[in-house]
Protein backbone atom coordinates (compact mmCIF):
# COMPACT_ATOMS: atom_id res chain seq x y z
CA UNK A 1 14.70 -9.12 -71.08
CA UNK A 2 12.80 -5.84 -70.80
CA UNK A 3 13.54 -3.64 -67.82
CA UNK A 4 10.06 -4.07 -66.33
CA UNK A 5 10.46 -7.85 -66.30
CA UNK A 6 13.85 -7.56 -64.62
CA UNK A 7 12.34 -5.39 -61.90
CA UNK A 8 9.45 -7.84 -61.40
CA UNK A 9 11.84 -10.82 -61.24
CA UNK A 10 14.07 -9.06 -58.71
CA UNK A 11 11.06 -8.19 -56.54
CA UNK A 12 9.86 -11.81 -56.49
CA UNK A 13 13.33 -13.03 -55.56
CA UNK A 14 13.55 -10.55 -52.68
CA UNK A 15 10.12 -11.66 -51.45
CA UNK A 16 11.21 -15.33 -51.53
CA UNK A 17 14.37 -14.48 -49.61
CA UNK A 18 12.34 -12.51 -47.06
CA UNK A 19 9.90 -15.40 -46.58
CA UNK A 20 12.69 -17.98 -46.26
CA UNK A 21 14.78 -15.90 -43.84
CA UNK A 22 14.65 -17.62 -40.43
CA UNK A 23 13.49 -15.53 -37.45
CA UNK A 24 16.10 -13.98 -35.21
CA UNK A 25 16.61 -15.42 -31.69
CA UNK A 26 14.75 -12.44 -30.23
CA UNK A 27 11.80 -13.04 -32.52
CA UNK A 28 11.80 -16.72 -31.62
CA UNK A 29 11.75 -15.95 -27.90
CA UNK A 30 9.23 -13.13 -28.04
CA UNK A 31 6.12 -15.31 -27.84
CA UNK A 32 7.28 -17.62 -24.98
CA UNK A 33 8.66 -14.62 -23.09
CA UNK A 34 5.34 -12.81 -23.38
CA UNK A 35 3.64 -15.82 -21.77
CA UNK A 36 5.65 -15.22 -18.61
CA UNK A 37 3.88 -11.89 -18.09
CA UNK A 38 0.28 -11.12 -17.26
CA UNK A 39 -2.06 -9.92 -19.97
CA UNK A 40 -5.50 -8.31 -19.76
CA UNK A 41 -7.11 -11.72 -20.26
CA UNK A 42 -4.84 -14.14 -18.43
CA UNK A 43 -2.18 -14.51 -15.74
CA UNK A 44 1.33 -15.20 -16.98
CA UNK A 45 3.34 -18.35 -16.32
CA UNK A 46 5.29 -16.80 -13.43
CA UNK A 47 2.17 -15.60 -11.58
CA UNK A 48 0.48 -18.97 -12.14
CA UNK A 49 3.49 -20.90 -10.82
CA UNK A 50 3.81 -18.68 -7.74
CA UNK A 51 0.05 -18.90 -7.08
CA UNK A 52 -0.15 -22.70 -7.14
CA UNK A 53 3.13 -23.15 -5.27
CA UNK A 54 1.84 -20.85 -2.54
CA UNK A 55 -1.52 -22.64 -2.53
CA UNK A 56 0.17 -26.01 -1.92
CA UNK A 57 2.37 -24.50 0.79
CA UNK A 58 -0.53 -22.86 2.59
CA UNK A 59 -2.68 -26.00 2.49
CA UNK A 60 0.23 -28.04 3.79
CA UNK A 61 1.02 -25.54 6.55
CA UNK A 62 -2.62 -25.35 7.67
CA UNK A 63 -2.92 -29.14 7.71
CA UNK A 64 0.32 -29.46 9.70
CA UNK A 65 -0.80 -26.76 12.11
CA UNK A 66 -4.14 -28.43 12.78
CA UNK A 67 -2.43 -31.78 13.31
CA UNK A 68 0.20 -30.32 15.65
CA UNK A 69 -2.49 -28.68 17.76
CA UNK A 70 -4.11 -32.10 18.20
CA UNK A 71 -0.90 -33.56 19.67
CA UNK A 72 -0.30 -33.47 23.43
CA UNK A 73 1.82 -30.65 24.81
CA UNK A 74 2.84 -32.57 27.92
CA UNK A 75 6.45 -33.58 27.54
CA UNK A 76 6.25 -32.54 23.88
CA UNK A 77 5.40 -35.52 21.75
CA UNK A 78 8.53 -36.86 19.99
CA UNK A 79 6.79 -36.47 16.61
CA UNK A 80 5.58 -32.96 17.40
CA UNK A 81 9.05 -31.40 17.73
CA UNK A 82 10.24 -32.30 14.19
CA UNK A 83 6.86 -31.22 12.84
CA UNK A 84 7.24 -27.81 14.47
CA UNK A 85 10.72 -27.41 12.96
CA UNK A 86 9.48 -28.37 9.48
CA UNK A 87 6.46 -26.11 9.91
CA UNK A 88 8.68 -23.13 10.76
CA UNK A 89 11.00 -23.70 7.81
CA UNK A 90 8.09 -24.03 5.38
CA UNK A 91 6.59 -20.90 6.91
CA UNK A 92 9.77 -18.95 6.15
CA UNK A 93 9.70 -20.32 2.60
CA UNK A 94 6.10 -19.12 2.32
CA UNK A 95 7.18 -15.68 3.52
CA UNK A 96 9.86 -15.50 0.81
CA UNK A 97 7.40 -16.59 -1.89
CA UNK A 98 4.83 -14.09 -0.64
CA UNK A 99 7.41 -11.30 -0.99
CA UNK A 100 8.27 -12.51 -4.49
CA UNK A 101 4.58 -12.64 -5.42
CA UNK A 102 4.04 -9.11 -4.16
CA UNK A 103 6.99 -7.81 -6.18
CA UNK A 104 5.78 -9.62 -9.29
CA UNK A 105 2.26 -8.32 -8.79
CA UNK A 106 3.57 -4.77 -8.42
CA UNK A 107 5.58 -5.12 -11.65
CA UNK A 108 2.76 -6.71 -13.70
CA UNK A 109 -0.73 -5.40 -14.34
CA UNK A 110 -3.47 -7.74 -13.18
CA UNK A 111 -5.86 -9.28 -15.71
CA UNK A 112 -9.25 -7.63 -15.85
CA UNK A 113 -12.05 -9.17 -13.84
CA UNK A 114 -14.84 -10.62 -15.94
CA UNK A 115 -17.20 -7.96 -17.29
CA UNK A 116 -20.30 -9.70 -15.93
CA UNK A 117 -19.07 -9.42 -12.33
CA UNK A 118 -21.14 -6.93 -10.28
CA UNK A 119 -19.28 -3.99 -8.79
CA UNK A 120 -19.68 -5.16 -5.19
CA UNK A 121 -18.21 -8.57 -6.06
CA UNK A 122 -15.20 -6.89 -7.69
CA UNK A 123 -14.62 -4.93 -4.48
CA UNK A 124 -15.04 -8.10 -2.41
CA UNK A 125 -12.62 -10.03 -4.64
CA UNK A 126 -9.94 -7.35 -4.24
CA UNK A 127 -10.58 -7.22 -0.49
CA UNK A 128 -10.14 -11.00 -0.12
CA UNK A 129 -6.89 -10.80 -2.10
CA UNK A 130 -5.64 -8.03 0.19
CA UNK A 131 -6.54 -10.16 3.22
CA UNK A 132 -4.63 -13.07 1.69
CA UNK A 133 -1.50 -10.96 1.25
CA UNK A 134 -1.79 -9.57 4.76
CA UNK A 135 -2.13 -13.07 6.23
CA UNK A 136 0.66 -14.51 4.05
CA UNK A 137 2.99 -12.01 5.71
CA UNK A 138 1.45 -11.89 9.18
CA UNK A 139 1.44 -15.64 9.81
CA UNK A 140 5.15 -16.28 9.15
CA UNK A 141 6.18 -13.11 10.97
CA UNK A 142 4.11 -13.95 14.07
CA UNK A 143 5.57 -17.47 13.97
CA UNK A 144 9.05 -15.96 13.77
CA UNK A 145 8.31 -13.67 16.73
CA UNK A 146 6.85 -16.62 18.63
CA UNK A 147 10.04 -18.64 18.13
CA UNK A 148 12.21 -15.69 19.12
CA UNK A 149 10.18 -15.18 22.30
CA UNK A 150 10.61 -18.88 23.10
CA UNK A 151 14.36 -18.62 22.60
CA UNK A 152 14.28 -21.05 19.66
CA UNK A 153 16.19 -19.93 16.52
CA UNK A 154 14.44 -19.97 13.15
CA UNK A 155 16.21 -21.65 10.25
CA UNK A 156 15.47 -21.27 6.54
CA UNK A 157 15.69 -24.78 5.08
CA UNK A 158 18.71 -25.42 7.29
CA UNK A 159 20.78 -22.96 5.26
CA UNK A 160 20.45 -19.69 7.17
CA UNK A 161 19.58 -19.00 10.80
CA UNK A 162 17.49 -15.86 11.12
CA UNK A 163 18.08 -13.30 13.88
CA UNK A 164 15.66 -13.09 16.78
CA UNK A 165 13.01 -10.40 16.37
CA UNK A 166 12.39 -10.09 20.13
CA UNK A 167 14.15 -11.13 23.31
CA UNK A 168 13.20 -14.27 25.20
CA UNK A 169 9.83 -13.66 26.86
CA UNK A 170 7.49 -16.47 27.97
CA UNK A 171 4.46 -14.18 28.29
CA UNK A 172 4.95 -12.82 24.78
CA UNK A 173 5.43 -16.37 23.51
CA UNK A 174 2.06 -17.47 24.91
CA UNK A 175 0.37 -14.35 23.53
CA UNK A 176 1.72 -14.96 20.05
CA UNK A 177 0.59 -18.58 20.13
CA UNK A 178 -2.97 -17.28 20.45
CA UNK A 179 -2.47 -14.62 17.78
CA UNK A 180 -0.85 -17.08 15.36
CA UNK A 181 -3.74 -19.49 15.80
CA UNK A 182 -6.35 -16.77 15.27
CA UNK A 183 -4.61 -15.64 12.07
CA UNK A 184 -4.51 -19.25 10.87
CA UNK A 185 -8.29 -19.51 11.24
CA UNK A 186 -8.61 -16.24 9.35
CA UNK A 187 -6.49 -17.72 6.56
CA UNK A 188 -8.69 -20.82 6.44
CA UNK A 189 -11.79 -18.62 6.15
CA UNK A 190 -10.22 -16.69 3.24
CA UNK A 191 -9.22 -19.94 1.56
CA UNK A 192 -12.77 -21.29 1.77
CA UNK A 193 -14.23 -18.07 0.37
CA UNK A 194 -11.62 -17.97 -2.40
CA UNK A 195 -12.04 -21.63 -3.41
CA UNK A 196 -15.82 -21.43 -3.20
CA UNK A 197 -15.95 -18.32 -5.37
CA UNK A 198 -13.59 -19.84 -7.97
CA UNK A 199 -15.67 -23.02 -8.22
CA UNK A 200 -18.89 -21.00 -8.45
CA UNK A 201 -17.51 -18.98 -11.34
CA UNK A 202 -16.21 -22.09 -13.10
CA UNK A 203 -19.09 -24.53 -12.55
CA UNK A 204 -22.18 -22.34 -12.23
CA UNK A 205 -21.44 -19.03 -13.98
CA UNK A 206 -19.08 -20.71 -16.49
CA UNK A 207 -16.97 -17.61 -16.99
CA UNK A 208 -13.19 -17.28 -17.38
CA UNK A 209 -12.35 -16.39 -13.78
CA UNK A 210 -10.68 -19.68 -12.87
CA UNK A 211 -9.26 -20.25 -16.36
CA UNK A 212 -7.19 -17.07 -15.98
CA UNK A 213 -5.11 -18.90 -13.35
CA UNK A 214 -4.90 -22.28 -15.08
CA UNK A 215 -1.79 -23.18 -17.11
CA UNK A 216 -2.37 -23.89 -20.79
CA UNK A 217 -5.63 -21.95 -20.91
CA UNK A 218 -6.39 -18.94 -23.07
CA UNK A 219 -8.61 -17.48 -20.33
C-alpha cells in the first residue's frame, strides 16, 4: 500500500476513534451545571428555585398574618397561639432564604432586562427589587425584635433557639407590632406591583420578562 494511502487510512481511523470516544464526566456535567447559573438571557435553576420558594413563603406568611390579625386578642384565641409560633418559625426560614438569595445574587450576574423596556421602567424594576430585599430582611428582624421585647424566645423550626435581640420591654413590643404591620402592608404593595408588572409583560407586551424566571424556558 502506498505511503499516502497509509497516512489517509490512519487519519480516518483516528477520526473514528475521536468520534466514538465517550465524553469525560466533566464534559457530561458541564451543560447541566451551567443551567444552575444565571445567563444574560435567563435565570439559572438555583435563582429560580429560591425565587419561587420565597414567593410561596411570603404569600403564606402574609395570609397567616392577615388571618391572625382577624382573631381576637382577648385571652389569646387557642388557635392564634400556635399560628403565631408557626408564623415566627416560617419568618426565620424566610430570613435565611433571603440571605441565601442575596449571596447568590451577588455571586451571579443578573440577566439583562428586555431591550424594549423604557429606561424609567428599568429603574423602577430595580427599585422594586431593592424594596423587596429590604422588606424580606426587615420583616423577620422586626418580628424577632418584637418577640424578644415580649420575652418570647424565637425558634428556628424547633432546632435552634435564637438569642434575644433586645431586653423585655412592653412599650417596645407594642411599637414593633405597629412597625411590623406597616412593613407587611408595604410588602403586599410590592407584591401587587411585581405580579401586575410580570403579567403585563407576559400577557400584553408578550416579551421574555416572566419567561426568564420560569423553569424549562429558554427565556
